[in-house]
Amino acid sequence: MPIYEFHCESCKRDSEVLVRSSDWKGTPCPHCGSTSMSKKFSTFAASVQGGPGEAATCSGTPSSCGLCGTGKAHSH
């Protein structure tokens, strides 16, 4: 099951909740228990791997680079 980000319309807090993608409506807020939650648009993480003999490359943009934060040497 994926983790989704939600915003509670009652307490105005954001939460990450593990739910089935089709069964998220009616999910209670972990902070106040209200079911007036809306699903937020969120990004996902991906990793970049090269095949045998391939060197992974940096995109040059830190926010979209697949190597930033992996500890692998690269430059922008």
Protein backbone atom coordinates (compact mmCIF):
# COMPACT_ATOMS: atom_id res chain seq x y z
CA MET A 1 0.00 0.00 0.00
CA PRO A 2 1.33 3.45 -0.85
CA ILE A 3 1.75 6.36 1.53
CA TYR A 4 -0.30 9.40 0.54
CA GLU A 5 -0.15 12.98 1.79
CA PHE A 6 -3.41 14.46 3.05
CA HIS A 7 -4.63 17.81 4.33
CA CYS A 8 -7.31 17.90 7.02
CA GLU A 9 -9.95 20.55 6.44
CA SER A 10 -10.92 20.48 10.15
CA CYS A 11 -7.59 20.91 11.98
CA LYS A 12 -5.69 22.28 8.94
CA ARG A 13 -2.77 19.88 9.47
CA ASP A 14 -0.96 17.75 6.88
CA SER A 15 -0.36 14.03 7.36
CA GLU A 16 1.15 11.04 5.58
CA VAL A 17 -1.15 8.01 5.73
CA LEU A 18 -0.71 4.45 4.44
CA VAL A 19 -3.93 3.59 2.53
CA ARG A 20 -5.11 1.69 -0.52
CA SER A 21 -5.27 4.07 -3.46
CA SER A 22 -8.95 3.36 -4.13
CA ASP A 23 -10.05 3.38 -0.47
CA TRP A 24 -8.67 6.71 0.74
CA LYS A 25 -12.01 8.55 1.03
CA GLY A 26 -13.20 8.47 4.62
CA THR A 27 -9.64 8.12 5.96
CA PRO A 28 -9.60 9.66 9.45
CA CYS A 29 -7.13 12.40 10.31
CA PRO A 30 -4.45 10.99 12.65
CA HIS A 31 -4.48 14.31 14.56
CA CYS A 32 -8.18 15.05 15.15
CA GLY A 33 -10.08 12.03 13.77
CA SER A 34 -12.07 14.05 11.23
CA THR A 35 -12.81 12.40 7.89
CA SER A 36 -12.73 15.69 5.94
CA MET A 37 -9.36 14.91 4.41
CA SER A 38 -8.22 15.90 0.93
CA LYS A 39 -5.43 14.15 -0.92
CA LYS A 40 -2.49 16.42 -1.70
CA PHE A 41 -0.49 16.33 -4.90
CA SER A 42 2.95 15.03 -3.96
CA THR A 43 6.17 14.05 -5.64
CA PHE A 44 7.91 10.72 -5.43
CA ALA A 45 11.52 9.67 -5.15
CA ALA A 46 13.30 7.65 -7.80
CA SER A 47 16.79 6.28 -8.04
CA VAL A 48 19.09 6.27 -11.02
CA GLN A 49 21.10 3.16 -11.76
CA GLY A 50 23.33 2.46 -14.68
CA GLY A 51 23.79 -0.96 -16.19
CA PRO A 52 27.10 -2.82 -16.19
CA GLY A 53 29.81 -0.49 -17.41
CA GLU A 54 27.51 2.52 -17.46
CA ALA A 55 28.35 5.51 -15.31
CA ALA A 56 25.38 7.28 -13.78
CA THR A 57 25.28 10.95 -14.66
CA CYS A 58 24.09 14.03 -12.88
CA SER A 59 21.30 16.06 -14.49
CA GLY A 60 22.97 19.33 -13.48
CA THR A 61 19.93 20.45 -11.54
CA PRO A 62 20.18 19.62 -7.82
CA SER A 63 16.42 19.38 -7.30
CA SER A 64 15.98 16.81 -10.08
CA CYS A 65 19.34 15.03 -9.93
CA GLY A 66 19.15 11.30 -9.35
CA LEU A 67 22.57 11.26 -7.71
CA CYS A 68 22.21 14.09 -5.19
CA GLY A 69 21.85 12.69 -1.70
CA THR A 70 23.07 9.20 -2.63
CA GLY A 71 26.66 9.75 -1.51
CA LYS A 72 27.94 8.96 -5.02
CA ALA A 73 30.52 11.39 -6.34
CA HIS A 74 29.27 13.74 -9.05
CA SER A 75 29.18 17.44 -9.89
CA HIS A 76 26.69 20.02 -11.05
